[in-house]
């Protein structure tokens, strides 16, 4: 169980890192759309827990990277799905 918590925390750390690098002020950082980056990072860390092979430094580092980049992957997929559904139901 400790392993899962570690991966979730590292994923959240990646989301927090993204938050700190992409916002310019504290007021901007504490908006819902930005705080969700940390939550999505934690979820990405959980997903990476089930995909990793062993617990060592590279996997710990990759969990942080997954938490950082997971938000972009989810947002891009969401936008594409939204466009596809709009085109499908527009016609």
N, C-alpha and C. Protein backbone atom coordinates (compact mmCIF):
# COMPACT_ATOMS: atom_id res chain seq x y z
N UNK A 1 0.82 -1.20 0.00
CA UNK A 1 0.00 0.00 0.00
C UNK A 1 0.86 1.25 0.00
N UNK A 2 2.02 1.18 0.65
CA UNK A 2 2.90 2.33 0.69
C UNK A 2 3.37 2.72 -0.71
N UNK A 3 3.55 1.73 -1.58
CA UNK A 3 3.97 2.00 -2.94
C UNK A 3 2.96 2.84 -3.70
N UNK A 4 1.69 2.54 -3.54
CA UNK A 4 0.65 3.29 -4.23
C UNK A 4 0.67 4.75 -3.77
N UNK A 5 0.76 4.96 -2.46
CA UNK A 5 0.79 6.33 -1.92
C UNK A 5 2.00 7.11 -2.45
N UNK A 6 3.12 6.44 -2.58
CA UNK A 6 4.32 7.10 -3.10
C UNK A 6 4.11 7.55 -4.53
N UNK A 7 3.55 6.68 -5.35
CA UNK A 7 3.32 7.04 -6.75
C UNK A 7 2.29 8.15 -6.89
N UNK A 8 1.25 8.12 -6.06
CA UNK A 8 0.24 9.19 -6.10
C UNK A 8 0.88 10.51 -5.69
N UNK A 9 1.70 10.49 -4.64
CA UNK A 9 2.36 11.71 -4.17
C UNK A 9 3.34 12.24 -5.22
N UNK A 10 4.09 11.36 -5.87
CA UNK A 10 5.02 11.80 -6.90
C UNK A 10 4.29 12.35 -8.12
N UNK A 11 3.17 11.75 -8.48
CA UNK A 11 2.36 12.28 -9.58
C UNK A 11 1.81 13.65 -9.23
N UNK A 12 1.34 13.81 -7.98
CA UNK A 12 0.85 15.13 -7.54
C UNK A 12 1.99 16.14 -7.53
N UNK A 13 3.19 15.71 -7.19
CA UNK A 13 4.36 16.59 -7.23
C UNK A 13 4.61 17.07 -8.66
N UNK A 14 4.45 16.18 -9.62
CA UNK A 14 4.59 16.57 -11.03
C UNK A 14 3.53 17.59 -11.43
N UNK A 15 2.29 17.38 -10.97
CA UNK A 15 1.23 18.35 -11.25
C UNK A 15 1.50 19.69 -10.59
N UNK A 16 2.03 19.64 -9.37
CA UNK A 16 2.38 20.87 -8.65
C UNK A 16 3.53 21.60 -9.36
N UNK A 17 4.48 20.85 -9.86
CA UNK A 17 5.58 21.44 -10.61
C UNK A 17 5.06 22.15 -11.85
N UNK A 18 4.12 21.52 -12.53
CA UNK A 18 3.50 22.15 -13.71
C UNK A 18 2.77 23.43 -13.30
N UNK A 19 2.05 23.36 -12.19
CA UNK A 19 1.34 24.52 -11.69
C UNK A 19 2.29 25.68 -11.42
N UNK A 20 3.39 25.40 -10.75
CA UNK A 20 4.35 26.45 -10.41
C UNK A 20 5.05 27.03 -11.63
N UNK A 21 5.29 26.21 -12.64
CA UNK A 21 5.99 26.69 -13.84
C UNK A 21 5.09 27.42 -14.82
N UNK A 22 3.78 27.17 -14.77
CA UNK A 22 2.87 27.75 -15.75
C UNK A 22 2.01 28.89 -15.22
N UNK A 23 2.14 29.24 -13.97
CA UNK A 23 1.36 30.36 -13.44
C UNK A 23 2.31 31.48 -13.03
N UNK A 24 1.79 32.69 -13.06
CA UNK A 24 2.62 33.84 -12.76
C UNK A 24 2.35 34.45 -11.39
N UNK A 25 1.20 34.14 -10.81
CA UNK A 25 0.89 34.72 -9.50
C UNK A 25 0.14 33.70 -8.65
N UNK A 26 0.09 33.96 -7.36
CA UNK A 26 -0.62 33.07 -6.45
C UNK A 26 -2.12 33.06 -6.76
N UNK A 27 -2.66 34.22 -7.09
CA UNK A 27 -4.09 34.30 -7.41
C UNK A 27 -4.42 33.44 -8.63
N UNK A 28 -3.55 33.44 -9.61
CA UNK A 28 -3.76 32.61 -10.79
C UNK A 28 -3.59 31.12 -10.45
N UNK A 29 -2.66 30.83 -9.55
CA UNK A 29 -2.36 29.44 -9.21
C UNK A 29 -3.49 28.76 -8.45
N UNK A 30 -4.26 29.51 -7.68
CA UNK A 30 -5.28 28.88 -6.84
C UNK A 30 -6.66 28.82 -7.49
N UNK A 31 -6.73 29.01 -8.80
CA UNK A 31 -8.01 28.84 -9.49
C UNK A 31 -8.27 27.35 -9.68
N UNK A 32 -9.54 27.00 -9.85
CA UNK A 32 -9.92 25.59 -9.98
C UNK A 32 -9.21 24.93 -11.16
N UNK A 33 -9.17 25.62 -12.30
CA UNK A 33 -8.58 25.00 -13.49
C UNK A 33 -7.10 24.70 -13.30
N UNK A 34 -6.43 25.44 -12.44
CA UNK A 34 -5.02 25.18 -12.19
C UNK A 34 -4.81 24.16 -11.07
N UNK A 35 -5.64 24.18 -10.05
CA UNK A 35 -5.52 23.21 -8.96
C UNK A 35 -5.80 21.80 -9.46
N UNK A 36 -6.65 21.68 -10.46
CA UNK A 36 -6.94 20.34 -10.99
C UNK A 36 -5.71 19.69 -11.60
N UNK A 37 -4.71 20.50 -11.99
CA UNK A 37 -3.46 19.93 -12.50
C UNK A 37 -2.83 19.01 -11.46
N UNK A 38 -2.89 19.41 -10.21
CA UNK A 38 -2.32 18.60 -9.13
C UNK A 38 -3.12 17.31 -8.98
N UNK A 39 -4.44 17.42 -9.04
CA UNK A 39 -5.29 16.23 -8.91
C UNK A 39 -5.08 15.28 -10.08
N UNK A 40 -5.00 15.81 -11.29
CA UNK A 40 -4.77 14.96 -12.46
C UNK A 40 -3.37 14.35 -12.40
N UNK A 41 -2.41 15.10 -11.88
CA UNK A 41 -1.07 14.55 -11.69
C UNK A 41 -1.09 13.37 -10.74
N UNK A 42 -1.87 13.48 -9.66
CA UNK A 42 -1.99 12.38 -8.71
C UNK A 42 -2.64 11.15 -9.36
N UNK A 43 -3.65 11.38 -10.17
CA UNK A 43 -4.31 10.28 -10.88
C UNK A 43 -3.35 9.65 -11.88
N UNK A 44 -2.56 10.47 -12.55
CA UNK A 44 -1.55 9.95 -13.48
C UNK A 44 -0.50 9.11 -12.74
N UNK A 45 -0.12 9.55 -11.56
CA UNK A 45 0.81 8.78 -10.74
C UNK A 45 0.23 7.43 -10.37
N UNK A 46 -1.05 7.41 -10.05
CA UNK A 46 -1.72 6.14 -9.74
C UNK A 46 -1.72 5.22 -10.95
N UNK A 47 -2.02 5.78 -12.12
CA UNK A 47 -2.00 4.97 -13.35
C UNK A 47 -0.60 4.43 -13.61
N UNK A 48 0.41 5.25 -13.37
CA UNK A 48 1.80 4.80 -13.59
C UNK A 48 2.17 3.70 -12.62
N UNK A 49 1.61 3.71 -11.43
CA UNK A 49 1.87 2.64 -10.45
C UNK A 49 1.54 1.28 -11.04
N UNK A 50 0.44 1.20 -11.76
CA UNK A 50 0.03 -0.08 -12.33
C UNK A 50 0.81 -0.44 -13.59
N UNK A 51 1.55 0.51 -14.15
CA UNK A 51 2.30 0.27 -15.39
C UNK A 51 3.80 0.07 -15.17
N UNK A 52 4.31 0.40 -14.01
CA UNK A 52 5.76 0.34 -13.80
C UNK A 52 6.21 -1.10 -13.54
N UNK A 53 7.52 -1.32 -13.71
CA UNK A 53 8.05 -2.67 -13.55
C UNK A 53 8.68 -2.88 -12.18
N UNK A 54 9.42 -1.91 -11.67
CA UNK A 54 10.02 -2.02 -10.35
C UNK A 54 10.18 -0.64 -9.76
N UNK A 55 10.28 -0.56 -8.45
CA UNK A 55 10.37 0.73 -7.77
C UNK A 55 11.83 1.10 -7.58
N UNK A 56 12.30 2.01 -8.40
CA UNK A 56 13.67 2.51 -8.29
C UNK A 56 13.68 3.96 -8.77
N UNK A 57 14.86 4.56 -8.84
CA UNK A 57 14.94 5.98 -9.18
C UNK A 57 14.30 6.32 -10.53
N UNK A 58 14.62 5.61 -11.62
CA UNK A 58 14.00 6.01 -12.89
C UNK A 58 12.47 6.00 -12.85
N UNK A 59 11.88 5.01 -12.20
CA UNK A 59 10.42 4.98 -12.13
C UNK A 59 9.88 6.10 -11.26
N UNK A 60 10.58 6.45 -10.20
CA UNK A 60 10.14 7.57 -9.36
C UNK A 60 10.19 8.86 -10.16
N UNK A 61 11.26 9.07 -10.88
CA UNK A 61 11.38 10.27 -11.71
C UNK A 61 10.33 10.29 -12.81
N UNK A 62 10.09 9.15 -13.44
CA UNK A 62 9.10 9.08 -14.51
C UNK A 62 7.69 9.30 -13.98
N UNK A 63 7.45 8.97 -12.72
CA UNK A 63 6.14 9.25 -12.13
C UNK A 63 5.92 10.75 -12.04
N UNK A 64 6.96 11.49 -11.68
CA UNK A 64 6.85 12.96 -11.64
C UNK A 64 6.60 13.50 -13.04
N UNK A 65 7.33 12.98 -14.02
CA UNK A 65 7.13 13.41 -15.41
C UNK A 65 5.72 13.07 -15.89
N UNK A 66 5.23 11.91 -15.52
CA UNK A 66 3.88 11.51 -15.88
C UNK A 66 2.85 12.45 -15.26
N UNK A 67 3.05 12.83 -14.01
CA UNK A 67 2.15 13.77 -13.36
C UNK A 67 2.17 15.13 -14.03
N UNK A 68 3.35 15.53 -14.51
CA UNK A 68 3.50 16.82 -15.20
C UNK A 68 2.81 16.78 -16.56
N UNK A 69 3.09 15.74 -17.33
CA UNK A 69 2.60 15.68 -18.71
C UNK A 69 1.20 15.08 -18.83
N UNK A 70 0.75 14.36 -17.81
CA UNK A 70 -0.55 13.72 -17.88
C UNK A 70 -1.68 14.69 -18.13
N UNK A 71 -1.57 15.88 -17.58
CA UNK A 71 -2.60 16.91 -17.76
C UNK A 71 -2.72 17.27 -19.23
N UNK A 72 -1.59 17.45 -19.92
CA UNK A 72 -1.62 17.81 -21.34
C UNK A 72 -2.25 16.71 -22.18
N UNK A 73 -1.93 15.47 -21.88
CA UNK A 73 -2.48 14.35 -22.63
C UNK A 73 -3.99 14.28 -22.44
N UNK A 74 -4.45 14.42 -21.21
CA UNK A 74 -5.89 14.35 -20.94
C UNK A 74 -6.63 15.52 -21.57
N UNK A 75 -6.07 16.73 -21.47
CA UNK A 75 -6.73 17.90 -22.07
C UNK A 75 -6.77 17.80 -23.59
N UNK A 76 -5.69 17.32 -24.22
CA UNK A 76 -5.68 17.18 -25.68
C UNK A 76 -6.71 16.14 -26.12
N UNK A 77 -6.79 15.02 -25.41
CA UNK A 77 -7.78 14.01 -25.74
C UNK A 77 -9.20 14.50 -25.55
N UNK A 78 -9.41 15.28 -24.51
CA UNK A 78 -10.72 15.84 -24.24
C UNK A 78 -11.15 16.82 -25.33
N UNK A 79 -10.22 17.67 -25.76
CA UNK A 79 -10.54 18.63 -26.84
C UNK A 79 -10.87 17.91 -28.13
N UNK A 80 -10.05 16.89 -28.46
CA UNK A 80 -10.29 16.16 -29.70
C UNK A 80 -11.63 15.43 -29.66
N UNK A 81 -11.94 14.79 -28.54
CA UNK A 81 -13.23 14.11 -28.41
C UNK A 81 -14.38 15.10 -28.51
N UNK A 82 -14.22 16.26 -27.90
CA UNK A 82 -15.26 17.29 -27.95
C UNK A 82 -15.49 17.75 -29.39
N UNK A 83 -14.41 17.98 -30.13
CA UNK A 83 -14.54 18.39 -31.54
C UNK A 83 -15.22 17.31 -32.37
N UNK A 84 -14.83 16.06 -32.13
CA UNK A 84 -15.42 14.96 -32.89
C UNK A 84 -16.92 14.85 -32.61
N UNK A 85 -17.30 14.98 -31.33
CA UNK A 85 -18.71 14.90 -30.99
C UNK A 85 -19.50 16.08 -31.55
N UNK A 86 -18.88 17.27 -31.52
CA UNK A 86 -19.55 18.45 -32.10
C UNK A 86 -19.79 18.27 -33.58
N UNK A 87 -18.79 17.75 -34.30
CA UNK A 87 -18.95 17.53 -35.74
C UNK A 87 -19.98 16.44 -36.01
N UNK A 88 -20.00 15.40 -35.20
CA UNK A 88 -20.92 14.29 -35.39
C UNK A 88 -22.37 14.75 -35.20
N UNK A 89 -22.63 15.54 -34.18
CA UNK A 89 -24.00 15.96 -33.88
C UNK A 89 -24.39 17.26 -34.56
N UNK A 90 -23.45 17.92 -35.19
CA UNK A 90 -23.74 19.16 -35.91
C UNK A 90 -24.44 18.88 -37.22
N UNK A 91 -24.06 17.80 -37.87
CA UNK A 91 -24.59 17.47 -39.20
C UNK A 91 -26.00 17.00 -39.16
